[in-house]
N, C-alpha and C. Protein backbone atom coordinates (compact mmCIF):
# COMPACT_ATOMS: atom_id res chain seq x y z
N MET A 1 132.86 136.17 33.32
CA MET A 1 133.52 136.15 34.61
C MET A 1 132.57 135.41 35.58
N VAL A 2 131.26 135.63 35.52
CA VAL A 2 130.28 135.02 36.47
C VAL A 2 130.16 133.53 36.23
N VAL A 3 130.24 133.09 34.97
CA VAL A 3 130.23 131.60 34.66
C VAL A 3 131.44 130.95 35.26
N GLY A 4 132.59 131.48 35.13
CA GLY A 4 133.84 130.91 35.68
C GLY A 4 133.71 130.93 37.20
N LEU A 5 133.03 131.88 37.84
CA LEU A 5 132.91 131.86 39.29
C LEU A 5 131.89 130.76 39.68
N ILE A 6 130.80 130.49 38.94
CA ILE A 6 129.93 129.51 39.26
C ILE A 6 130.63 128.19 39.20
N ILE A 7 131.44 127.97 38.20
CA ILE A 7 132.20 126.72 38.04
C ILE A 7 133.15 126.59 39.23
N ALA A 8 133.83 127.53 39.63
CA ALA A 8 134.76 127.64 40.71
C ALA A 8 134.07 127.29 41.96
N CYS A 9 132.81 127.84 42.20
CA CYS A 9 132.10 127.63 43.41
C CYS A 9 131.67 126.19 43.47
N GLU A 10 131.26 125.55 42.37
CA GLU A 10 130.94 124.24 42.33
C GLU A 10 132.06 123.29 42.67
N VAL A 11 133.28 123.59 42.05
CA VAL A 11 134.46 122.74 42.32
C VAL A 11 134.79 123.11 43.80
N GLY A 12 134.69 124.23 44.34
CA GLY A 12 135.07 124.58 45.69
C GLY A 12 134.20 123.84 46.71
N PHE A 13 132.90 123.75 46.31
CA PHE A 13 131.98 122.95 47.21
C PHE A 13 132.43 121.54 47.37
N TRP A 14 132.81 120.91 46.28
CA TRP A 14 133.10 119.54 46.37
C TRP A 14 134.55 119.26 47.01
N VAL A 15 135.45 120.32 46.80
CA VAL A 15 136.74 120.18 47.38
C VAL A 15 136.68 120.44 48.96
N LEU A 16 135.92 121.46 49.41
CA LEU A 16 135.58 121.69 50.73
C LEU A 16 134.93 120.51 51.47
N LEU A 17 133.94 119.90 50.84
CA LEU A 17 133.27 118.84 51.25
C LEU A 17 134.27 117.55 51.48
N ALA A 18 134.93 117.28 50.50
CA ALA A 18 135.87 116.16 50.52
C ALA A 18 136.95 116.50 51.66
N ALA A 19 137.43 117.71 51.74
CA ALA A 19 138.47 118.03 52.69
C ALA A 19 137.91 117.91 54.11
N GLY A 20 136.66 118.41 54.27
CA GLY A 20 136.04 118.38 55.58
C GLY A 20 135.82 116.92 56.01
N LEU A 21 135.37 116.14 55.15
CA LEU A 21 135.07 114.74 55.56
C LEU A 21 136.36 113.99 55.80
N ALA A 22 137.45 114.27 54.93
CA ALA A 22 138.70 113.57 55.20
C ALA A 22 139.33 113.98 56.46
N VAL A 23 139.18 115.23 56.77
CA VAL A 23 139.75 115.76 58.10
C VAL A 23 139.02 115.16 59.26
N ARG A 24 137.70 115.01 59.09
CA ARG A 24 136.88 114.40 60.16
C ARG A 24 137.18 112.96 60.42
N TYR A 25 137.24 112.17 59.33
CA TYR A 25 137.28 110.70 59.51
C TYR A 25 138.66 110.14 59.41
N LEU A 26 139.50 110.76 58.76
CA LEU A 26 140.95 110.27 58.59
C LEU A 26 141.89 110.85 59.56
N LEU A 27 141.70 112.20 59.88
CA LEU A 27 142.62 112.74 60.90
C LEU A 27 141.93 113.02 62.23
N ASN A 28 140.66 112.67 62.42
CA ASN A 28 139.93 112.75 63.64
C ASN A 28 139.91 114.19 64.13
N ARG A 29 139.90 115.13 63.35
CA ARG A 29 139.84 116.50 63.77
C ARG A 29 138.47 116.97 63.48
N ARG A 30 137.55 116.81 64.35
CA ARG A 30 136.13 117.25 64.18
C ARG A 30 135.88 118.78 64.07
N ARG A 31 136.60 119.54 64.98
CA ARG A 31 136.44 121.00 64.90
C ARG A 31 136.97 121.61 63.59
N THR A 32 138.09 121.09 63.14
CA THR A 32 138.61 121.54 61.90
C THR A 32 137.72 121.20 60.72
N SER A 33 137.11 119.95 60.77
CA SER A 33 136.12 119.52 59.84
C SER A 33 134.92 120.41 59.75
N VAL A 34 134.49 120.83 60.86
CA VAL A 34 133.32 121.70 60.98
C VAL A 34 133.59 123.08 60.37
N ALA A 35 134.78 123.49 60.71
CA ALA A 35 135.27 124.81 60.22
C ALA A 35 135.28 124.77 58.59
N LEU A 36 135.80 123.71 58.10
CA LEU A 36 135.92 123.58 56.68
C LEU A 36 134.52 123.53 56.00
N LEU A 37 133.57 122.75 56.60
CA LEU A 37 132.24 122.57 56.12
C LEU A 37 131.48 123.88 56.28
N LEU A 38 131.79 124.74 57.24
CA LEU A 38 131.12 126.02 57.37
C LEU A 38 131.64 127.05 56.38
N CYS A 39 132.76 126.78 55.76
CA CYS A 39 133.20 127.69 54.74
C CYS A 39 132.38 127.64 53.47
N GLU A 40 131.61 126.52 53.22
CA GLU A 40 130.91 126.34 52.07
C GLU A 40 129.91 127.51 51.73
N PRO A 41 129.15 127.94 52.78
CA PRO A 41 128.30 129.02 52.46
C PRO A 41 128.93 130.23 52.03
N PHE A 42 130.07 130.43 52.36
CA PHE A 42 130.89 131.65 51.94
C PHE A 42 131.06 131.65 50.40
N LEU A 43 131.14 130.46 49.84
CA LEU A 43 131.31 130.46 48.31
C LEU A 43 130.09 131.11 47.76
N GLU A 44 128.86 130.80 48.16
CA GLU A 44 127.66 131.34 47.67
C GLU A 44 127.56 132.77 47.87
N LEU A 45 128.08 133.23 49.11
CA LEU A 45 128.06 134.75 49.32
C LEU A 45 128.97 135.42 48.45
N ILE A 46 130.10 134.83 48.13
CA ILE A 46 131.08 135.48 47.09
C ILE A 46 130.43 135.58 45.87
N LEU A 47 129.71 134.47 45.33
CA LEU A 47 129.14 134.46 43.98
C LEU A 47 128.02 135.55 43.98
N PHE A 48 127.19 135.59 45.11
CA PHE A 48 126.26 136.54 45.18
C PHE A 48 126.78 137.96 45.02
N ALA A 49 127.90 138.24 45.80
CA ALA A 49 128.40 139.56 45.79
C ALA A 49 129.06 139.94 44.48
N VAL A 50 129.73 138.97 43.83
CA VAL A 50 130.35 139.26 42.64
C VAL A 50 129.16 139.44 41.43
N THR A 51 128.27 138.77 41.54
CA THR A 51 127.04 138.94 40.59
C THR A 51 126.48 140.28 40.75
N ALA A 52 126.22 140.74 42.09
CA ALA A 52 125.74 142.06 42.39
C ALA A 52 126.53 143.16 41.80
N VAL A 53 127.82 143.03 42.11
CA VAL A 53 128.86 144.04 41.60
C VAL A 53 128.88 144.11 40.12
N ASP A 54 128.80 142.82 39.48
CA ASP A 54 128.85 142.86 37.95
C ASP A 54 127.59 143.61 37.46
N LEU A 55 126.40 143.35 38.02
CA LEU A 55 125.21 144.03 37.54
C LEU A 55 125.38 145.55 37.85
N ARG A 56 125.83 145.92 39.01
CA ARG A 56 125.87 147.31 39.37
C ARG A 56 126.87 148.08 38.58
N SER A 57 127.94 147.40 38.11
CA SER A 57 128.91 148.06 37.26
C SER A 57 128.47 148.26 35.83
N GLY A 58 127.28 147.85 35.56
CA GLY A 58 126.80 148.17 34.23
C GLY A 58 126.69 146.92 33.26
N ALA A 59 127.01 145.86 33.79
CA ALA A 59 126.86 144.68 32.88
C ALA A 59 125.35 144.50 32.52
N GLU A 60 125.15 144.12 31.27
CA GLU A 60 123.79 143.83 30.93
C GLU A 60 123.40 142.57 31.46
N PRO A 61 122.24 142.49 32.23
CA PRO A 61 121.76 141.29 32.78
C PRO A 61 121.62 140.25 31.81
N GLY A 62 122.27 139.08 32.09
CA GLY A 62 122.25 137.95 31.03
C GLY A 62 121.93 136.67 31.71
N TRP A 63 121.99 135.60 31.03
CA TRP A 63 121.64 134.29 31.44
C TRP A 63 122.72 133.86 32.53
N GLU A 64 123.88 134.34 32.56
CA GLU A 64 124.80 133.98 33.50
C GLU A 64 124.32 134.46 34.84
N HIS A 65 123.80 135.61 34.96
CA HIS A 65 123.31 136.13 36.27
C HIS A 65 122.05 135.27 36.72
N GLY A 66 121.25 134.87 35.77
CA GLY A 66 120.16 133.98 36.10
C GLY A 66 120.61 132.54 36.59
N LEU A 67 121.66 132.10 35.91
CA LEU A 67 122.24 130.75 36.32
C LEU A 67 122.82 130.88 37.66
N ALA A 68 123.51 132.10 38.03
CA ALA A 68 124.00 132.25 39.35
C ALA A 68 123.02 132.14 40.42
N ALA A 69 121.90 132.82 40.17
CA ALA A 69 120.70 132.72 41.22
C ALA A 69 120.26 131.30 41.29
N LEU A 70 120.08 130.64 40.20
CA LEU A 70 119.57 129.29 40.25
C LEU A 70 120.57 128.35 41.05
N TYR A 71 121.87 128.56 40.84
CA TYR A 71 122.93 127.79 41.43
C TYR A 71 122.90 128.05 42.93
N ILE A 72 122.72 129.26 43.32
CA ILE A 72 122.64 129.65 44.67
C ILE A 72 121.40 128.96 45.40
N GLY A 73 120.31 129.14 44.78
CA GLY A 73 119.00 128.54 45.25
C GLY A 73 119.19 127.00 45.49
N PHE A 74 119.80 126.41 44.52
CA PHE A 74 119.93 124.87 44.50
C PHE A 74 120.93 124.54 45.68
N THR A 75 121.99 125.29 45.77
CA THR A 75 123.04 124.87 46.82
C THR A 75 122.30 125.15 48.22
N VAL A 76 121.69 126.25 48.31
CA VAL A 76 120.99 126.54 49.64
C VAL A 76 120.06 125.45 50.07
N ALA A 77 119.21 124.93 49.04
CA ALA A 77 118.22 123.98 49.38
C ALA A 77 118.79 122.56 49.38
N TYR A 78 119.70 122.11 48.60
CA TYR A 78 120.12 120.74 48.55
C TYR A 78 121.53 120.64 49.12
N GLY A 79 122.28 121.59 49.43
CA GLY A 79 123.59 121.56 50.01
C GLY A 79 123.67 120.77 51.34
N PRO A 80 122.85 121.22 52.32
CA PRO A 80 122.83 120.52 53.63
C PRO A 80 122.38 119.03 53.45
N TYR A 81 121.45 118.74 52.61
CA TYR A 81 121.09 117.32 52.32
C TYR A 81 122.20 116.51 51.84
N THR A 82 122.95 117.07 50.78
CA THR A 82 123.92 116.45 50.18
C THR A 82 125.16 116.22 51.22
N ILE A 83 125.46 117.20 52.02
CA ILE A 83 126.46 117.03 53.03
C ILE A 83 126.07 115.95 54.03
N ARG A 84 124.87 115.90 54.46
CA ARG A 84 124.45 114.81 55.39
C ARG A 84 124.59 113.42 54.83
N ARG A 85 124.09 113.31 53.58
CA ARG A 85 124.19 111.98 52.98
C ARG A 85 125.55 111.55 52.77
N LEU A 86 126.46 112.32 52.33
CA LEU A 86 127.82 112.06 52.11
C LEU A 86 128.57 111.85 53.48
N ASP A 87 128.26 112.58 54.46
CA ASP A 87 128.78 112.33 55.78
C ASP A 87 128.50 110.95 56.29
N GLY A 88 127.26 110.52 56.16
CA GLY A 88 126.92 109.16 56.43
C GLY A 88 127.66 108.08 55.71
N TYR A 89 127.94 108.28 54.43
CA TYR A 89 128.68 107.40 53.60
C TYR A 89 130.11 107.42 54.18
N ALA A 90 130.68 108.55 54.30
CA ALA A 90 132.14 108.69 54.86
C ALA A 90 132.24 108.08 56.15
N ALA A 91 131.25 108.23 57.11
CA ALA A 91 131.30 107.64 58.36
C ALA A 91 131.36 106.08 58.26
N HIS A 92 130.58 105.60 57.39
CA HIS A 92 130.48 104.12 57.15
C HIS A 92 131.86 103.58 56.61
N ARG A 93 132.38 104.32 55.48
CA ARG A 93 133.41 103.73 54.78
C ARG A 93 134.78 104.05 55.46
N LEU A 94 134.84 105.19 56.17
CA LEU A 94 136.15 105.52 56.72
C LEU A 94 136.36 105.34 58.24
N ALA A 95 135.15 105.36 58.87
CA ALA A 95 135.16 105.21 60.36
C ALA A 95 134.46 103.98 60.86
N GLY A 96 134.02 103.11 60.01
CA GLY A 96 133.39 101.96 60.48
C GLY A 96 132.01 102.12 61.08
N GLY A 97 131.39 103.27 60.75
CA GLY A 97 130.07 103.49 61.22
C GLY A 97 129.01 102.61 60.47
N PRO A 98 127.67 102.68 60.99
CA PRO A 98 126.81 101.81 60.32
C PRO A 98 126.52 102.30 58.91
N ARG A 99 125.97 101.41 58.07
CA ARG A 99 125.73 101.82 56.64
C ARG A 99 124.50 102.74 56.79
N PRO A 100 124.68 103.95 56.07
CA PRO A 100 123.55 104.76 56.03
C PRO A 100 122.30 104.22 55.30
N PRO A 101 121.14 104.52 55.82
CA PRO A 101 120.00 103.95 55.21
C PRO A 101 119.79 104.54 53.75
N LYS A 102 119.29 103.74 52.86
CA LYS A 102 119.05 104.12 51.45
C LYS A 102 117.67 104.70 51.41
N PRO A 103 117.40 105.56 50.46
CA PRO A 103 116.05 106.12 50.36
C PRO A 103 115.16 104.97 50.05
N PRO A 104 113.88 105.06 50.57
CA PRO A 104 112.87 104.00 50.22
C PRO A 104 112.70 103.88 48.71
N ARG A 105 112.44 102.66 48.33
CA ARG A 105 112.31 102.34 46.91
C ARG A 105 110.87 102.02 46.55
N HIS A 106 109.99 101.84 47.52
CA HIS A 106 108.69 101.39 47.20
C HIS A 106 107.58 102.07 47.95
N GLY A 107 106.29 101.95 47.48
CA GLY A 107 105.11 102.45 48.16
C GLY A 107 105.15 103.83 48.54
N MET A 108 104.39 104.10 49.58
CA MET A 108 104.01 105.46 50.01
C MET A 108 105.34 106.10 50.76
N ALA A 109 106.15 105.17 51.20
CA ALA A 109 107.39 105.75 51.81
C ALA A 109 108.28 106.39 50.78
N ARG A 110 108.30 105.83 49.52
CA ARG A 110 109.01 106.38 48.41
C ARG A 110 108.33 107.72 48.04
N ALA A 111 107.00 107.76 48.02
CA ALA A 111 106.21 108.88 47.68
C ALA A 111 106.52 110.09 48.67
N ALA A 112 106.66 109.66 49.93
CA ALA A 112 106.99 110.71 50.95
C ALA A 112 108.38 111.22 50.77
N HIS A 113 109.32 110.40 50.37
CA HIS A 113 110.67 110.84 50.17
C HIS A 113 110.78 111.80 49.01
N GLU A 114 110.06 111.39 47.95
CA GLU A 114 109.94 112.34 46.72
C GLU A 114 109.26 113.61 47.06
N GLY A 115 108.34 113.56 47.90
CA GLY A 115 107.57 114.80 48.35
C GLY A 115 108.57 115.73 49.09
N ARG A 116 109.39 115.13 50.04
CA ARG A 116 110.38 115.94 50.74
C ARG A 116 111.42 116.59 49.73
N LEU A 117 111.77 115.74 48.68
CA LEU A 117 112.67 116.28 47.75
C LEU A 117 112.10 117.45 46.95
N TRP A 118 110.90 117.29 46.58
CA TRP A 118 110.14 118.32 45.90
C TRP A 118 110.10 119.68 46.73
N LEU A 119 109.87 119.41 48.07
CA LEU A 119 109.81 120.60 48.89
C LEU A 119 111.19 121.34 48.87
N ARG A 120 112.23 120.56 48.80
CA ARG A 120 113.58 121.27 48.59
C ARG A 120 113.64 122.03 47.26
N THR A 121 113.11 121.50 46.30
CA THR A 121 113.04 122.14 45.05
C THR A 121 112.15 123.34 45.01
N VAL A 122 111.14 123.35 45.78
CA VAL A 122 110.25 124.59 46.09
C VAL A 122 111.17 125.66 46.73
N PHE A 123 111.84 125.26 47.74
CA PHE A 123 112.68 126.11 48.60
C PHE A 123 113.77 126.73 47.66
N ALA A 124 114.38 125.84 46.70
CA ALA A 124 115.47 126.35 45.84
C ALA A 124 114.96 127.32 44.94
N ALA A 125 113.64 127.10 44.32
CA ALA A 125 113.05 127.92 43.46
C ALA A 125 112.78 129.30 44.08
N ALA A 126 112.22 129.17 45.39
CA ALA A 126 111.88 130.41 46.09
C ALA A 126 113.18 131.34 46.35
N VAL A 127 114.21 130.74 46.71
CA VAL A 127 115.44 131.41 46.85
C VAL A 127 115.92 132.17 45.65
N ALA A 128 115.85 131.26 44.52
CA ALA A 128 116.29 131.69 43.25
C ALA A 128 115.49 133.00 42.63
N CYS A 129 114.11 132.72 42.79
CA CYS A 129 113.22 133.85 42.39
C CYS A 129 113.39 135.08 43.22
N ALA A 130 113.63 134.91 44.52
CA ALA A 130 113.83 136.11 45.39
C ALA A 130 115.18 136.81 44.98
N LEU A 131 116.21 136.06 44.69
CA LEU A 131 117.48 136.58 44.24
C LEU A 131 117.25 137.35 42.88
N LEU A 132 116.57 136.74 41.96
CA LEU A 132 116.32 137.28 40.65
C LEU A 132 115.42 138.49 40.75
N GLU A 133 114.45 138.49 41.71
CA GLU A 133 113.65 139.74 41.77
C GLU A 133 114.44 140.89 42.45
N GLY A 134 115.28 140.45 43.39
CA GLY A 134 116.29 141.44 43.85
C GLY A 134 117.17 142.09 42.91
N ALA A 135 117.61 141.17 41.96
CA ALA A 135 118.53 141.70 40.79
C ALA A 135 117.69 142.57 39.91
N VAL A 136 116.55 142.27 39.67
CA VAL A 136 115.72 143.13 38.63
C VAL A 136 115.46 144.46 39.37
N ARG A 137 115.18 144.50 40.68
CA ARG A 137 115.06 145.84 41.35
C ARG A 137 116.44 146.58 41.44
N TYR A 138 117.42 145.78 41.64
CA TYR A 138 118.74 146.31 41.77
C TYR A 138 119.23 146.99 40.44
N VAL A 139 118.87 146.37 39.34
CA VAL A 139 119.40 146.98 38.07
C VAL A 139 118.51 148.20 37.76
N GLY A 140 117.28 148.06 38.19
CA GLY A 140 116.26 149.15 37.94
C GLY A 140 115.85 149.28 36.43
N ASP A 141 115.99 150.39 35.82
CA ASP A 141 115.63 150.62 34.41
C ASP A 141 116.61 149.85 33.50
N GLY A 142 116.12 149.10 32.63
CA GLY A 142 117.02 148.38 31.69
C GLY A 142 116.32 147.02 31.34
N ASP A 143 116.96 146.29 30.49
CA ASP A 143 116.41 145.04 29.95
C ASP A 143 116.65 143.98 31.04
N THR A 144 115.61 143.61 31.65
CA THR A 144 115.67 142.51 32.71
C THR A 144 115.01 141.18 32.32
N SER A 145 114.72 141.08 30.99
CA SER A 145 113.93 139.92 30.52
C SER A 145 114.64 138.64 30.71
N SER A 146 116.03 138.61 30.74
CA SER A 146 116.68 137.30 30.87
C SER A 146 116.49 136.99 32.38
N LEU A 147 116.54 137.87 33.29
CA LEU A 147 116.34 137.59 34.72
C LEU A 147 114.87 137.06 34.94
N ARG A 148 113.97 137.72 34.40
CA ARG A 148 112.56 137.23 34.43
C ARG A 148 112.46 135.84 33.96
N SER A 149 113.06 135.61 32.74
CA SER A 149 112.94 134.22 32.15
C SER A 149 113.52 133.16 33.04
N PHE A 150 114.57 133.57 33.89
CA PHE A 150 115.10 132.46 34.74
C PHE A 150 114.17 132.19 35.91
N GLN A 151 113.42 133.27 36.24
CA GLN A 151 112.31 133.01 37.28
C GLN A 151 111.31 131.90 36.86
N TRP A 152 111.00 132.06 35.52
CA TRP A 152 110.04 131.15 34.89
C TRP A 152 110.76 129.69 34.84
N VAL A 153 112.01 129.63 34.58
CA VAL A 153 112.78 128.44 34.58
C VAL A 153 112.61 127.69 35.89
N SER A 154 112.82 128.49 37.03
CA SER A 154 112.80 127.86 38.42
C SER A 154 111.35 127.40 38.60
N LEU A 155 110.39 128.07 38.19
CA LEU A 155 109.03 127.75 38.41
C LEU A 155 108.64 126.49 37.64
N ARG A 156 109.17 126.41 36.51
CA ARG A 156 108.97 125.17 35.63
C ARG A 156 109.62 123.89 36.28
N ALA A 157 110.82 124.18 36.93
CA ALA A 157 111.47 123.10 37.62
C ALA A 157 110.58 122.58 38.73
N VAL A 158 109.96 123.45 39.53
CA VAL A 158 109.09 123.08 40.53
C VAL A 158 107.86 122.22 40.02
N VAL A 159 107.28 122.65 38.94
CA VAL A 159 106.08 121.98 38.37
C VAL A 159 106.40 120.64 37.91
N ILE A 160 107.60 120.61 37.14
CA ILE A 160 108.03 119.29 36.61
C ILE A 160 108.43 118.37 37.74
N HIS A 161 109.13 118.78 38.75
CA HIS A 161 109.52 117.88 39.84
C HIS A 161 108.27 117.52 40.61
N GLY A 162 107.33 118.46 40.72
CA GLY A 162 106.03 118.22 41.42
C GLY A 162 105.38 117.18 40.80
N LEU A 163 105.22 117.20 39.40
CA LEU A 163 104.58 116.14 38.70
C LEU A 163 105.32 114.77 38.83
N VAL A 164 106.47 114.72 38.81
CA VAL A 164 107.29 113.44 39.07
C VAL A 164 106.92 112.96 40.38
N ALA A 165 106.96 113.81 41.43
CA ALA A 165 106.64 113.37 42.79
C ALA A 165 105.29 112.80 42.93
N LEU A 166 104.42 113.55 42.20
CA LEU A 166 102.96 113.10 42.20
C LEU A 166 102.71 111.79 41.66
N THR A 167 103.53 111.34 40.65
CA THR A 167 103.41 110.05 40.01
C THR A 167 103.63 108.94 41.08
N TYR A 168 104.52 109.20 42.10
CA TYR A 168 104.91 108.27 43.12
C TYR A 168 103.64 108.03 44.07
N VAL A 169 102.90 109.03 44.19
CA VAL A 169 101.63 108.96 45.08
C VAL A 169 100.47 108.29 44.22
N ILE A 170 100.29 108.64 42.91
CA ILE A 170 99.26 108.11 42.18
C ILE A 170 99.58 106.70 41.79
N TRP A 171 100.81 106.33 41.39
CA TRP A 171 101.22 104.93 40.99
C TRP A 171 102.38 104.48 41.83
N PRO A 172 102.04 104.23 43.08
CA PRO A 172 103.28 103.87 43.94
C PRO A 172 103.94 102.50 43.42
N LYS A 173 105.27 102.38 43.44
CA LYS A 173 105.86 101.22 43.00
C LYS A 173 105.70 100.14 44.09
N LYS A 174 105.24 98.97 43.56
CA LYS A 174 105.07 97.96 44.56
C LYS A 174 106.35 97.21 44.89
N ALA A 175 106.53 96.75 46.04
CA ALA A 175 107.72 96.05 46.56
C ALA A 175 107.71 94.61 45.87
N PRO A 176 108.78 94.13 45.39
CA PRO A 176 108.83 92.83 44.75
C PRO A 176 108.49 91.73 45.79
N THR A 177 107.89 90.79 45.34
CA THR A 177 107.50 89.56 46.22
C THR A 177 108.15 88.36 45.74
N GLU A 178 108.10 87.27 46.62
CA GLU A 178 108.75 86.04 46.21
C GLU A 178 107.88 85.47 45.05
N ALA A 179 106.64 85.62 44.90
CA ALA A 179 105.87 85.20 43.88
C ALA A 179 106.28 85.79 42.55
N ASP A 180 106.88 87.01 42.47
CA ASP A 180 107.49 87.57 41.34
C ASP A 180 108.69 86.96 40.84
N GLY A 181 109.27 86.17 41.81
CA GLY A 181 110.62 85.63 41.43
C GLY A 181 111.75 86.59 41.80
N ARG A 182 111.42 87.65 42.53
CA ARG A 182 112.40 88.61 42.94
C ARG A 182 112.24 88.80 44.50
N VAL A 183 113.33 88.64 45.03
CA VAL A 183 113.37 88.92 46.58
C VAL A 183 113.74 90.38 46.93
N PRO A 184 113.03 90.99 47.81
CA PRO A 184 113.36 92.35 48.15
C PRO A 184 114.80 92.54 48.69
């Protein structure tokens, strides 16, 4: 049941996002759009509540509960960023707004961008680990090893993403020059 709800929350996120942007830019209803976009956090609250009820009703803590915590953490950290980026594209495509800036591709500006994304991953992992720790304490006595293993999964994601971001600092990609035969 939890896995189905995770999938439904992901589909709901994209449906609410598309509906919110369509209402904003095609129907010119900004308040309705904001109301639709503000419904998105309720999806995560529903997932959180259903997961807690599932655990409290005696379900054995499993990978699906860990996945729910990771999903919530990722959505909390990256959801606003995704909405802002797609809002910029929708404003450009549907309302004639300026083209949104692309992320930097070269040099230390790219490294700084990757560092900011890494901080979002740290935030996502912190939320997921806090939820998983809460679930471990909520379950009390019992086998919570799968929940603990998902805490390690989130920490590994932070380390791996941190190493990737660090490579942009150590070996920044150089901008193409006319001498290379490529024009930026």
